[in-house]
C-alpha atoms as a PDB file:
ATOM      1  CA  MET A   1     -33.982 249.832-275.733  1.00  0.00           C
ATOM      2  CA  ALA A   2     -37.726 250.015-276.412  1.00  0.00           C
ATOM      3  CA  LYS A   3     -37.509 246.780-278.291  1.00  0.00           C
ATOM      4  CA  ASP A   4     -35.754 245.122-275.346  1.00  0.00           C
ATOM      5  CA  LYS A   5     -38.347 246.452-272.892  1.00  0.00           C
ATOM      6  CA  THR A   6     -41.145 245.094-275.078  1.00  0.00           C
ATOM      7  CA  GLY A   7     -39.411 241.767-275.167  1.00  0.00           C
ATOM      8  CA  ASP A   8     -39.126 241.770-271.372  1.00  0.00           C
ATOM      9  CA  LYS A   9     -42.831 242.571-271.042  1.00  0.00           C
ATOM     10  CA  GLN A  10     -43.786 239.772-273.435  1.00  0.00           C
ATOM     11  CA  SER A  11     -41.495 237.364-271.621  1.00  0.00           C
ATOM     12  CA  THR A  12     -43.011 238.289-268.252  1.00  0.00           C
ATOM     13  CA  LYS A  13     -46.533 237.909-269.653  1.00  0.00           C
ATOM     14  CA  THR A  14     -45.713 234.486-271.078  1.00  0.00           C
ATOM     15  CA  LYS A  15     -44.259 233.362-267.746  1.00  0.00           C
ATOM     16  CA  SER A  16     -47.374 234.569-265.924  1.00  0.00           C
ATOM     17  CA  LYS A  17     -49.621 232.561-268.251  1.00  0.00           C
ATOM     18  CA  ALA A  18     -47.446 229.511-267.792  1.00  0.00           C
ATOM     19  CA  SER A  19     -47.548 229.875-264.005  1.00  0.00           C
ATOM     20  CA  ALA A  20     -51.318 230.325-264.049  1.00  0.00           C
ATOM     21  CA  ALA A  21     -51.740 227.262-266.247  1.00  0.00           C
ATOM     22  CA  LYS A  22     -49.443 225.275-263.984  1.00  0.00           C
ATOM     23  CA  GLY A  23     -51.407 226.373-260.924  1.00  0.00           C
ATOM     24  CA  LYS A  24     -54.693 225.455-262.603  1.00  0.00           C
ATOM     25  CA  ASN A  25     -53.427 222.004-263.511  1.00  0.00           C
ATOM     26  CA  ALA A  26     -52.137 221.511-259.986  1.00  0.00           C
ATOM     27  CA  SER A  27     -55.513 222.469-258.517  1.00  0.00           C
ATOM     28  CA  GLN A  28     -57.246 219.962-260.800  1.00  0.00           C
ATOM     29  CA  LYS A  29     -55.089 217.090-259.581  1.00  0.00           C
ATOM     30  CA  LYS A  30     -56.644 214.895-256.954  1.00  0.00           C
ATOM     31  CA  SER A  31     -55.295 215.264-253.472  1.00  0.00           C
ATOM     32  CA  PRO A  32     -53.292 212.224-252.346  1.00  0.00           C
ATOM     33  CA  SER A  33     -55.334 209.532-250.651  1.00  0.00           C
ATOM     34  CA  PRO A  34     -54.931 209.399-246.859  1.00  0.00           C
ATOM     35  CA  LYS A  35     -53.084 206.472-245.364  1.00  0.00           C
ATOM     36  CA  LYS A  36     -55.234 203.466-244.632  1.00  0.00           C
ATOM     37  CA  LEU A  37     -56.432 203.130-241.070  1.00  0.00           C
ATOM     38  CA  SER A  38     -54.626 200.663-238.875  1.00  0.00           C
ATOM     39  CA  LYS A  39     -56.608 197.678-237.673  1.00  0.00           C
ATOM     40  CA  LYS A  40     -56.375 198.887-234.068  1.00  0.00           C
ATOM     41  CA  VAL A  41     -57.708 202.378-234.819  1.00  0.00           C
ATOM     42  CA  TYR A  42     -60.465 200.987-237.043  1.00  0.00           C
ATOM     43  CA  GLU A  43     -61.696 198.466-234.474  1.00  0.00           C
ATOM     44  CA  THR A  44     -61.581 201.042-231.658  1.00  0.00           C
ATOM     45  CA  GLU A  45     -63.649 203.555-233.621  1.00  0.00           C
ATOM     46  CA  LEU A  46     -66.033 200.880-234.877  1.00  0.00           C
ATOM     47  CA  GLN A  47     -66.717 199.707-231.335  1.00  0.00           C
ATOM     48  CA  LYS A  48     -67.579 203.261-230.270  1.00  0.00           C
ATOM     49  CA  LEU A  49     -69.963 203.665-233.192  1.00  0.00           C
ATOM     50  CA  GLN A  50     -71.623 200.299-232.599  1.00  0.00           C
ATOM     51  CA  ILE A  51     -72.347 201.311-228.998  1.00  0.00           C
ATOM     52  CA  GLU A  52     -74.048 204.419-230.384  1.00  0.00           C
ATOM     53  CA  LEU A  53     -76.018 202.243-232.812  1.00  0.00           C
ATOM     54  CA  VAL A  54     -77.359 200.242-229.871  1.00  0.00           C
ATOM     55  CA  LYS A  55     -78.439 203.500-228.220  1.00  0.00           C
ATOM     56  CA  LEU A  56     -80.084 204.568-231.469  1.00  0.00           C
ATOM     57  CA  GLN A  57     -82.013 201.316-231.723  1.00  0.00           C
ATOM     58  CA  GLU A  58     -83.296 201.644-228.163  1.00  0.00           C
ATOM     59  CA  TRP A  59     -84.491 205.161-228.988  1.00  0.00           C
ATOM     60  CA  VAL A  60     -86.181 203.986-232.192  1.00  0.00           C
ATOM     61  CA  LYS A  61     -88.013 201.266-230.242  1.00  0.00           C
ATOM     62  CA  LYS A  62     -89.008 203.636-227.442  1.00  0.00           C
ATOM     63  CA  LYS A  63     -90.347 206.336-229.760  1.00  0.00           C
ATOM     64  CA  GLY A  64     -91.873 204.013-232.335  1.00  0.00           C
ATOM     65  CA  LEU A  65     -89.807 205.454-235.190  1.00  0.00           C
ATOM     66  CA  LYS A  66     -89.642 203.894-238.645  1.00  0.00           C
ATOM     67  CA  ILE A  67     -86.247 204.043-240.373  1.00  0.00           C
ATOM     68  CA  VAL A  68     -85.424 202.972-243.949  1.00  0.00           C
ATOM     69  CA  VAL A  69     -81.847 203.049-245.227  1.00  0.00           C
ATOM     70  CA  LEU A  70     -81.006 202.313-248.869  1.00  0.00           C
ATOM     71  CA  PHE A  71     -77.562 201.043-249.864  1.00  0.00           C
ATOM     72  CA  GLU A  72     -76.775 201.399-253.557  1.00  0.00           C
ATOM     73  CA  GLY A  73     -73.604 201.420-255.629  1.00  0.00           C
ATOM     74  CA  ARG A  74     -71.579 199.373-258.041  1.00  0.00           C
ATOM     75  CA  ASP A  75     -70.763 195.716-257.456  1.00  0.00           C
ATOM     76  CA  ALA A  76     -67.994 195.241-254.846  1.00  0.00           C
ATOM     77  CA  ALA A  77     -68.395 198.838-253.641  1.00  0.00           C
ATOM     78  CA  GLY A  78     -68.667 197.714-250.006  1.00  0.00           C
ATOM     79  CA  LYS A  79     -72.403 197.972-249.342  1.00  0.00           C
ATOM     80  CA  GLY A  80     -72.636 194.542-247.735  1.00  0.00           C
ATOM     81  CA  GLY A  81     -69.685 195.169-245.450  1.00  0.00           C
ATOM     82  CA  ALA A  82     -71.183 198.397-244.157  1.00  0.00           C
ATOM     83  CA  ILE A  83     -74.560 196.736-243.563  1.00  0.00           C
ATOM     84  CA  LYS A  84     -72.889 193.881-241.682  1.00  0.00           C
ATOM     85  CA  ARG A  85     -71.082 196.277-239.314  1.00  0.00           C
ATOM     86  CA  ILE A  86     -74.317 198.129-238.610  1.00  0.00           C
ATOM     87  CA  THR A  87     -76.371 195.042-237.844  1.00  0.00           C
ATOM     88  CA  GLU A  88     -73.914 192.763-236.022  1.00  0.00           C
ATOM     89  CA  CYS A  89     -74.564 194.358-232.599  1.00  0.00           C
ATOM     90  CA  LEU A  90     -78.262 195.148-233.077  1.00  0.00           C
ATOM     91  CA  ASN A  91     -81.364 193.129-232.271  1.00  0.00           C
ATOM     92  CA  PRO A  92     -82.401 191.372-235.521  1.00  0.00           C
ATOM     93  CA  ARG A  93     -86.042 191.537-234.454  1.00  0.00           C
ATOM     94  CA  PHE A  94     -85.956 195.308-234.801  1.00  0.00           C
ATOM     95  CA  CYS A  95     -83.166 195.846-237.356  1.00  0.00           C
ATOM     96  CA  LYS A  96     -83.778 193.864-240.526  1.00  0.00           C
ATOM     97  CA  VAL A  97     -81.965 193.550-243.848  1.00  0.00           C
ATOM     98  CA  ALA A  98     -84.004 193.402-247.056  1.00  0.00           C
ATOM     99  CA  ALA A  99     -81.991 191.900-249.913  1.00  0.00           C
ATOM    100  CA  LEU A 100     -84.569 190.920-252.500  1.00  0.00           C
ATOM    101  CA  GLY A 101     -83.762 188.514-255.297  1.00  0.00           C
ATOM    102  CA  THR A 102     -84.947 188.471-258.890  1.00  0.00           C
ATOM    103  CA  PRO A 103     -88.698 189.180-259.038  1.00  0.00           C
ATOM    104  CA  THR A 104     -90.954 186.209-259.712  1.00  0.00           C
ATOM    105  CA  GLU A 105     -93.231 186.051-262.734  1.00  0.00           C
ATOM    106  CA  ARG A 106     -96.123 187.125-260.509  1.00  0.00           C
ATOM    107  CA  GLU A 107     -94.156 190.021-259.019  1.00  0.00           C
ATOM    108  CA  LYS A 108     -93.281 191.236-262.503  1.00  0.00           C
ATOM    109  CA  THR A 109     -96.978 191.889-263.103  1.00  0.00           C
ATOM    110  CA  GLN A 110     -97.418 193.872-259.867  1.00  0.00           C
ATOM    111  CA  TRP A 111     -97.021 197.574-259.285  1.00  0.00           C
ATOM    112  CA  TYR A 112     -93.260 198.033-259.399  1.00  0.00           C
ATOM    113  CA  PHE A 113     -92.887 199.255-255.798  1.00  0.00           C
ATOM    114  CA  GLN A 114     -95.226 196.613-254.375  1.00  0.00           C
ATOM    115  CA  ARG A 115     -92.684 194.016-253.251  1.00  0.00           C
ATOM    116  CA  TYR A 116     -90.563 196.697-251.611  1.00  0.00           C
ATOM    117  CA  VAL A 117     -93.538 198.102-249.711  1.00  0.00           C
ATOM    118  CA  ALA A 118     -94.018 194.663-248.126  1.00  0.00           C
ATOM    119  CA  ASN A 119     -90.582 195.035-246.499  1.00  0.00           C
ATOM    120  CA  LEU A 120     -91.086 198.504-245.026  1.00  0.00           C
ATOM    121  CA  PRO A 121     -90.737 198.841-241.230  1.00  0.00           C
ATOM    122  CA  ALA A 122     -93.411 198.948-238.579  1.00  0.00           C
ATOM    123  CA  ALA A 123     -93.059 201.256-235.576  1.00  0.00           C
ATOM    124  CA  GLY A 124     -89.791 200.727-233.707  1.00  0.00           C
ATOM    125  CA  GLU A 125     -88.019 199.066-236.628  1.00  0.00           C
ATOM    126  CA  ILE A 126     -85.039 199.806-238.875  1.00  0.00           C
ATOM    127  CA  VAL A 127     -84.873 198.246-242.342  1.00  0.00           C
ATOM    128  CA  LEU A 128     -81.674 198.288-244.376  1.00  0.00           C
ATOM    129  CA  PHE A 129     -82.185 197.667-248.098  1.00  0.00           C
ATOM    130  CA  ASP A 130     -79.204 195.952-249.728  1.00  0.00           C
ATOM    131  CA  ARG A 131     -80.151 197.321-253.136  1.00  0.00           C
ATOM    132  CA  SER A 132     -83.666 198.639-253.518  1.00  0.00           C
ATOM    133  CA  TRP A 133     -86.249 199.940-255.944  1.00  0.00           C
ATOM    134  CA  TYR A 134     -83.370 201.730-257.691  1.00  0.00           C
ATOM    135  CA  ASN A 135     -82.651 198.459-259.506  1.00  0.00           C
ATOM    136  CA  ARG A 136     -84.932 199.811-262.203  1.00  0.00           C
ATOM    137  CA  ALA A 137     -82.718 202.849-262.758  1.00  0.00           C
ATOM    138  CA  GLY A 138     -79.554 200.726-262.769  1.00  0.00           C
ATOM    139  CA  VAL A 139     -79.340 197.079-263.717  1.00  0.00           C
ATOM    140  CA  GLU A 140     -82.806 196.865-265.284  1.00  0.00           C
ATOM    141  CA  ARG A 141     -82.162 199.857-267.510  1.00  0.00           C
ATOM    142  CA  VAL A 142     -78.634 198.879-268.571  1.00  0.00           C
ATOM    143  CA  MET A 143     -79.394 195.180-269.084  1.00  0.00           C
ATOM    144  CA  GLY A 144     -82.704 195.813-270.828  1.00  0.00           C
ATOM    145  CA  PHE A 145     -84.841 194.081-268.193  1.00  0.00           C
ATOM    146  CA  CYS A 146     -87.452 196.837-268.400  1.00  0.00           C
ATOM    147  CA  THR A 147     -88.883 198.855-271.251  1.00  0.00           C
ATOM    148  CA  HIS A 148     -87.911 202.464-271.856  1.00  0.00           C
ATOM    149  CA  GLN A 149     -91.443 203.506-270.914  1.00  0.00           C
ATOM    150  CA  GLU A 150     -91.192 201.616-267.594  1.00  0.00           C
ATOM    151  CA  TYR A 151     -87.843 203.284-266.896  1.00  0.00           C
ATOM    152  CA  ILE A 152     -89.166 206.790-267.617  1.00  0.00           C
ATOM    153  CA  GLU A 153     -92.224 206.130-265.453  1.00  0.00           C
ATOM    154  CA  PHE A 154     -89.925 205.050-262.605  1.00  0.00           C
ATOM    155  CA  LEU A 155     -87.902 208.268-262.735  1.00  0.00           C
ATOM    156  CA  ARG A 156     -91.146 210.232-262.698  1.00  0.00           C
ATOM    157  CA  SER A 157     -92.880 208.331-259.883  1.00  0.00           C
ATOM    158  CA  CYS A 158     -89.915 207.519-257.618  1.00  0.00           C
ATOM    159  CA  PRO A 159     -89.644 210.970-255.974  1.00  0.00           C
ATOM    160  CA  GLU A 160     -93.403 210.962-255.417  1.00  0.00           C
ATOM    161  CA  PHE A 161     -93.202 207.480-253.865  1.00  0.00           C
ATOM    162  CA  GLU A 162     -90.383 208.490-251.534  1.00  0.00           C
ATOM    163  CA  HIS A 163     -92.115 211.684-250.473  1.00  0.00           C
ATOM    164  CA  MET A 164     -95.227 209.638-249.731  1.00  0.00           C
ATOM    165  CA  LEU A 165     -93.174 207.359-247.457  1.00  0.00           C
ATOM    166  CA  GLN A 166     -91.775 210.381-245.661  1.00  0.00           C
ATOM    167  CA  ARG A 167     -95.225 211.898-245.182  1.00  0.00           C
ATOM    168  CA  SER A 168     -96.335 208.618-243.608  1.00  0.00           C
ATOM    169  CA  GLY A 169     -93.667 209.029-240.906  1.00  0.00           C
ATOM    170  CA  ILE A 170     -90.787 207.017-242.378  1.00  0.00           C
ATOM    171  CA  THR A 171     -87.271 208.435-242.140  1.00  0.00           C
ATOM    172  CA  LEU A 172     -85.601 207.642-245.480  1.00  0.00           C
ATOM    173  CA  ILE A 173     -81.815 207.755-245.888  1.00  0.00           C
ATOM    174  CA  LYS A 174     -80.104 206.939-249.210  1.00  0.00           C
ATOM    175  CA  TYR A 175     -76.438 206.004-249.608  1.00  0.00           C
ATOM    176  CA  TRP A 176     -74.461 205.564-252.819  1.00  0.00           C
ATOM    177  CA  PHE A 177     -71.137 203.767-252.368  1.00  0.00           C
ATOM    178  CA  SER A 178     -68.693 205.146-254.909  1.00  0.00           C
ATOM    179  CA  VAL A 179     -65.752 202.948-255.955  1.00  0.00           C
ATOM    180  CA  SER A 180     -63.129 203.590-258.609  1.00  0.00           C
ATOM    181  CA  ASN A 181     -62.575 201.445-261.669  1.00  0.00           C
ATOM    182  CA  GLU A 182     -59.186 200.259-260.405  1.00  0.00           C
ATOM    183  CA  GLU A 183     -60.407 199.381-256.904  1.00  0.00           C
ATOM    184  CA  GLN A 184     -63.403 197.452-258.214  1.00  0.00           C
ATOM    185  CA  GLU A 185     -61.166 195.409-260.494  1.00  0.00           C
ATOM    186  CA  GLN A 186     -58.849 194.570-257.604  1.00  0.00           C
ATOM    187  CA  ARG A 187     -61.784 193.473-255.433  1.00  0.00           C
ATOM    188  CA  PHE A 188     -63.111 191.276-258.225  1.00  0.00           C
ATOM    189  CA  LYS A 189     -59.695 189.608-258.488  1.00  0.00           C
ATOM    190  CA  ASP A 190     -59.601 189.083-254.734  1.00  0.00           C
ATOM    191  CA  ARG A 191     -63.019 187.412-254.856  1.00  0.00           C
ATOM    192  CA  LEU A 192     -61.882 185.085-257.627  1.00  0.00           C
ATOM    193  CA  LYS A 193     -58.986 183.932-255.453  1.00  0.00           C
ATOM    194  CA  ASP A 194     -61.088 183.411-252.310  1.00  0.00           C
ATOM    195  CA  PRO A 195     -63.443 180.371-252.436  1.00  0.00           C
ATOM    196  CA  THR A 196     -65.553 181.844-249.619  1.00  0.00           C
ATOM    197  CA  LYS A 197     -66.242 185.005-251.632  1.00  0.00           C
ATOM    198  CA  ARG A 198     -66.447 183.616-255.152  1.00  0.00           C
ATOM    199  CA  TRP A 199     -70.231 183.291-254.860  1.00  0.00           C
ATOM    200  CA  LYS A 200     -70.386 187.101-254.803  1.00  0.00           C
ATOM    201  CA  LEU A 201     -69.336 187.192-258.462  1.00  0.00           C
ATOM    202  CA  SER A 202     -72.328 186.377-260.632  1.00  0.00           C
ATOM    203  CA  PRO A 203     -72.461 186.475-264.447  1.00  0.00           C
ATOM    204  CA  MET A 204     -74.467 189.693-264.001  1.00  0.00           C
ATOM    205  CA  ASP A 205     -71.598 191.256-262.044  1.00  0.00           C
ATOM    206  CA  LEU A 206     -69.129 190.429-264.792  1.00  0.00           C
ATOM    207  CA  GLU A 207     -71.442 191.833-267.448  1.00  0.00           C
ATOM    208  CA  ALA A 208     -71.849 195.005-265.373  1.00  0.00           C
ATOM    209  CA  ARG A 209     -68.076 195.302-265.263  1.00  0.00           C
ATOM    210  CA  ALA A 210     -67.997 195.186-269.056  1.00  0.00           C
ATOM    211  CA  ARG A 211     -70.602 197.992-269.185  1.00  0.00           C
ATOM    212  CA  TRP A 212     -68.883 200.387-266.785  1.00  0.00           C
ATOM    213  CA  VAL A 213     -69.628 203.516-268.828  1.00  0.00           C
ATOM    214  CA  GLU A 214     -73.292 202.611-269.342  1.00  0.00           C
ATOM    215  CA  TYR A 215     -73.717 202.168-265.587  1.00  0.00           C
ATOM    216  CA  SER A 216     -72.028 205.536-265.019  1.00  0.00           C
ATOM    217  CA  LYS A 217     -74.510 207.229-267.336  1.00  0.00           C
ATOM    218  CA  ALA A 218     -77.411 205.443-265.662  1.00  0.00           C
ATOM    219  CA  LYS A 219     -76.223 206.563-262.228  1.00  0.00           C
ATOM    220  CA  ASP A 220     -75.915 210.192-263.382  1.00  0.00           C
ATOM    221  CA  ASP A 221     -79.426 210.152-264.863  1.00  0.00           C
ATOM    222  CA  MET A 222     -80.775 208.539-261.692  1.00  0.00           C
ATOM    223  CA  PHE A 223     -79.220 211.215-259.497  1.00  0.00           C
ATOM    224  CA  GLY A 224     -80.548 213.924-261.785  1.00  0.00           C
ATOM    225  CA  ALA A 225     -84.117 212.713-261.274  1.00  0.00           C
ATOM    226  CA  THR A 226     -84.087 211.448-257.679  1.00  0.00           C
ATOM    227  CA  ASP A 227     -81.522 213.522-255.761  1.00  0.00           C
ATOM    228  CA  THR A 228     -84.163 215.825-254.333  1.00  0.00           C
ATOM    229  CA  THR A 229     -84.047 218.312-251.469  1.00  0.00           C
ATOM    230  CA  ARG A 230     -86.386 216.205-249.359  1.00  0.00           C
ATOM    231  CA  SER A 231     -84.777 212.884-250.298  1.00  0.00           C
ATOM    232  CA  PRO A 232     -81.114 213.488-251.158  1.00  0.00           C
ATOM    233  CA  TRP A 233     -78.420 210.965-252.043  1.00  0.00           C
ATOM    234  CA  HIS A 234     -75.413 210.728-249.722  1.00  0.00           C
ATOM    235  CA  VAL A 235     -72.274 209.576-251.529  1.00  0.00           C
ATOM    236  CA  VAL A 236     -69.797 207.436-249.580  1.00  0.00           C
ATOM    237  CA  GLU A 237     -66.252 207.352-250.920  1.00  0.00           C
ATOM    238  CA  ALA A 238     -65.619 203.613-250.734  1.00  0.00           C
ATOM    239  CA  ASP A 239     -62.150 202.898-252.111  1.00  0.00           C
ATOM    240  CA  ASP A 240     -61.017 202.535-248.486  1.00  0.00           C
ATOM    241  CA  LYS A 241     -63.440 200.018-246.951  1.00  0.00           C
ATOM    242  CA  LYS A 242     -62.651 200.784-243.332  1.00  0.00           C
ATOM    243  CA  ARG A 243     -63.046 204.540-243.712  1.00  0.00           C
ATOM    244  CA  ALA A 244     -66.207 204.051-245.775  1.00  0.00           C
ATOM    245  CA  ARG A 245     -67.831 201.991-243.024  1.00  0.00           C
ATOM    246  CA  LEU A 246     -66.914 204.416-240.267  1.00  0.00           C
ATOM    247  CA  ASN A 247     -67.985 207.456-242.285  1.00  0.00           C
ATOM    248  CA  CYS A 248     -71.286 205.858-243.293  1.00  0.00           C
ATOM    249  CA  ILE A 249     -72.193 204.814-239.744  1.00  0.00           C
ATOM    250  CA  THR A 250     -71.213 208.221-238.360  1.00  0.00           C
ATOM    251  CA  HIS A 251     -73.428 209.946-240.906  1.00  0.00           C
ATOM    252  CA  PHE A 252     -76.307 207.547-240.274  1.00  0.00           C
ATOM    253  CA  LEU A 253     -76.176 208.308-236.547  1.00  0.00           C
ATOM    254  CA  SER A 254     -76.296 212.040-237.319  1.00  0.00           C
ATOM    255  CA  GLN A 255     -79.505 211.654-239.343  1.00  0.00           C
ATOM    256  CA  VAL A 256     -81.667 210.465-236.444  1.00  0.00           C
ATOM    257  CA  PRO A 257     -81.579 212.543-233.233  1.00  0.00           C
ATOM    258  CA  TYR A 258     -81.565 210.150-230.277  1.00  0.00           C
ATOM    259  CA  GLU A 259     -80.921 209.995-226.548  1.00  0.00           C
ATOM    260  CA  ASP A 260     -79.130 207.415-224.451  1.00  0.00           C
ATOM    261  CA  LEU A 261     -81.654 204.887-223.143  1.00  0.00           C
ATOM    262  CA  THR A 262     -79.109 202.212-222.221  1.00  0.00           C
ATOM    263  CA  PRO A 263     -80.697 199.894-219.642  1.00  0.00           C
ATOM    264  CA  LYS A 264     -79.211 200.090-216.156  1.00  0.00           C
ATOM    265  CA  PRO A 265     -77.037 197.175-215.011  1.00  0.00           C
ATOM    266  CA  VAL A 266     -78.998 194.373-213.332  1.00  0.00           C
ATOM    267  CA  GLU A 267     -78.029 191.686-210.840  1.00  0.00           C
ATOM    268  CA  LEU A 268     -78.443 188.065-211.774  1.00  0.00           C
ATOM    269  CA  PRO A 269     -80.890 186.223-209.505  1.00  0.00           C
ATOM    270  CA  PRO A 270     -79.590 183.116-207.696  1.00  0.00           C
ATOM    271  CA  ARG A 271     -79.971 179.883-209.603  1.00  0.00           C
ATOM    272  CA  GLN A 272     -82.771 177.613-208.460  1.00  0.00           C
ATOM    273  CA  GLU A 273     -81.505 174.753-206.338  1.00  0.00           C
ATOM    274  CA  ALA A 274     -82.352 171.206-207.325  1.00  0.00           C
ATOM    275  CA  THR A 275     -84.705 169.450-204.920  1.00  0.00           C
ATOM    276  CA  GLU A 276     -85.940 166.025-205.996  1.00  0.00           C
ATOM    277  CA  TYR A 277     -85.260 166.528-209.678  1.00  0.00           C
ATOM    278  CA  VAL A 278     -82.784 164.050-211.239  1.00  0.00           C
ATOM    279  CA  ARG A 279     -81.507 164.775-214.744  1.00  0.00           C
ATOM    280  CA  PRO A 280     -81.393 161.885-217.238  1.00  0.00           C
ATOM    281  CA  PRO A 281     -77.953 160.393-218.007  1.00  0.00           C
ATOM    282  CA  MET A 282     -75.871 162.180-220.648  1.00  0.00           C
ATOM    283  CA  SER A 283     -75.481 158.921-222.550  1.00  0.00           C
ATOM    284  CA  MET A 284     -79.092 159.286-223.707  1.00  0.00           C
ATOM    285  CA  GLN A 285     -78.242 162.462-225.686  1.00  0.00           C
ATOM    286  CA  ASN A 286     -76.766 162.711-229.162  1.00  0.00           C
ATOM    287  CA  PHE A 287     -73.667 164.896-229.000  1.00  0.00           C
ATOM    288  CA  VAL A 288     -71.872 166.475-231.913  1.00  0.00           C
ATOM    289  CA  PRO A 289     -68.580 164.570-232.547  1.00  0.00           C
ATOM    290  CA  ARG A 290     -65.487 166.223-231.097  1.00  0.00           C
ATOM    291  CA  VAL A 291     -63.566 166.777-234.296  1.00  0.00           C
ATOM    292  CA  TYR A 292     -61.533 169.646-232.823  1.00  0.00           C
END
């Protein structure tokens, strides 16, 4: 009987371990992705957020604030789409996009941050950087466009540079758009099929795709050195483009306290009546051909 009891105890213990292991494995599994937003829900929510963005811009202009937003992430992560939805209802005189190209030979000899400083906002302005000074920690490091010493110096000086901007009165917000390997590959394939988007795929993008792991390591090292308490990174889960845009805009609005300064409705004045003025004949003007 004792032998049987011992066997029962061992059996129960084994089952408990198995259950615990099963529970642990279950907890490690990713939760299922939520269903994609319908077009109607997405457009309704986006319209609400864009109205708030207009209110935010009016507040920024009124108070003379200076806002800098950095958009970083892998190729095809959705940075450009988010920027487009932010800017499409705002005044381009006060909300600008900085998307700098490859540095010139002269710029390569300058202080690394110099060409980015030239694009910083004045009072009442918002500047959205479509990629930023973090190129040095990403593409330049992985592709060997900078020396190891230049890279190390960047990691050391970047937090100091950003804190200096903040002390000068600039509100700095940093977003990293995170996309999975599978989703990026699908977006690349979609771009190859679409002639209007094929320009987005450069030889550099394809090479970056081939160096996925190296970019992952570079991103982790970058976060380790620059994800500070005063200047943190905000990660946007970007496999679902629509949710990523809405979540990013919602978070952006929460980072800058603002009040509603929407101008009051105005009445249009009556149009001036013609007196002795006679307009020239339309035949004297060059019209665009009516193709459609």
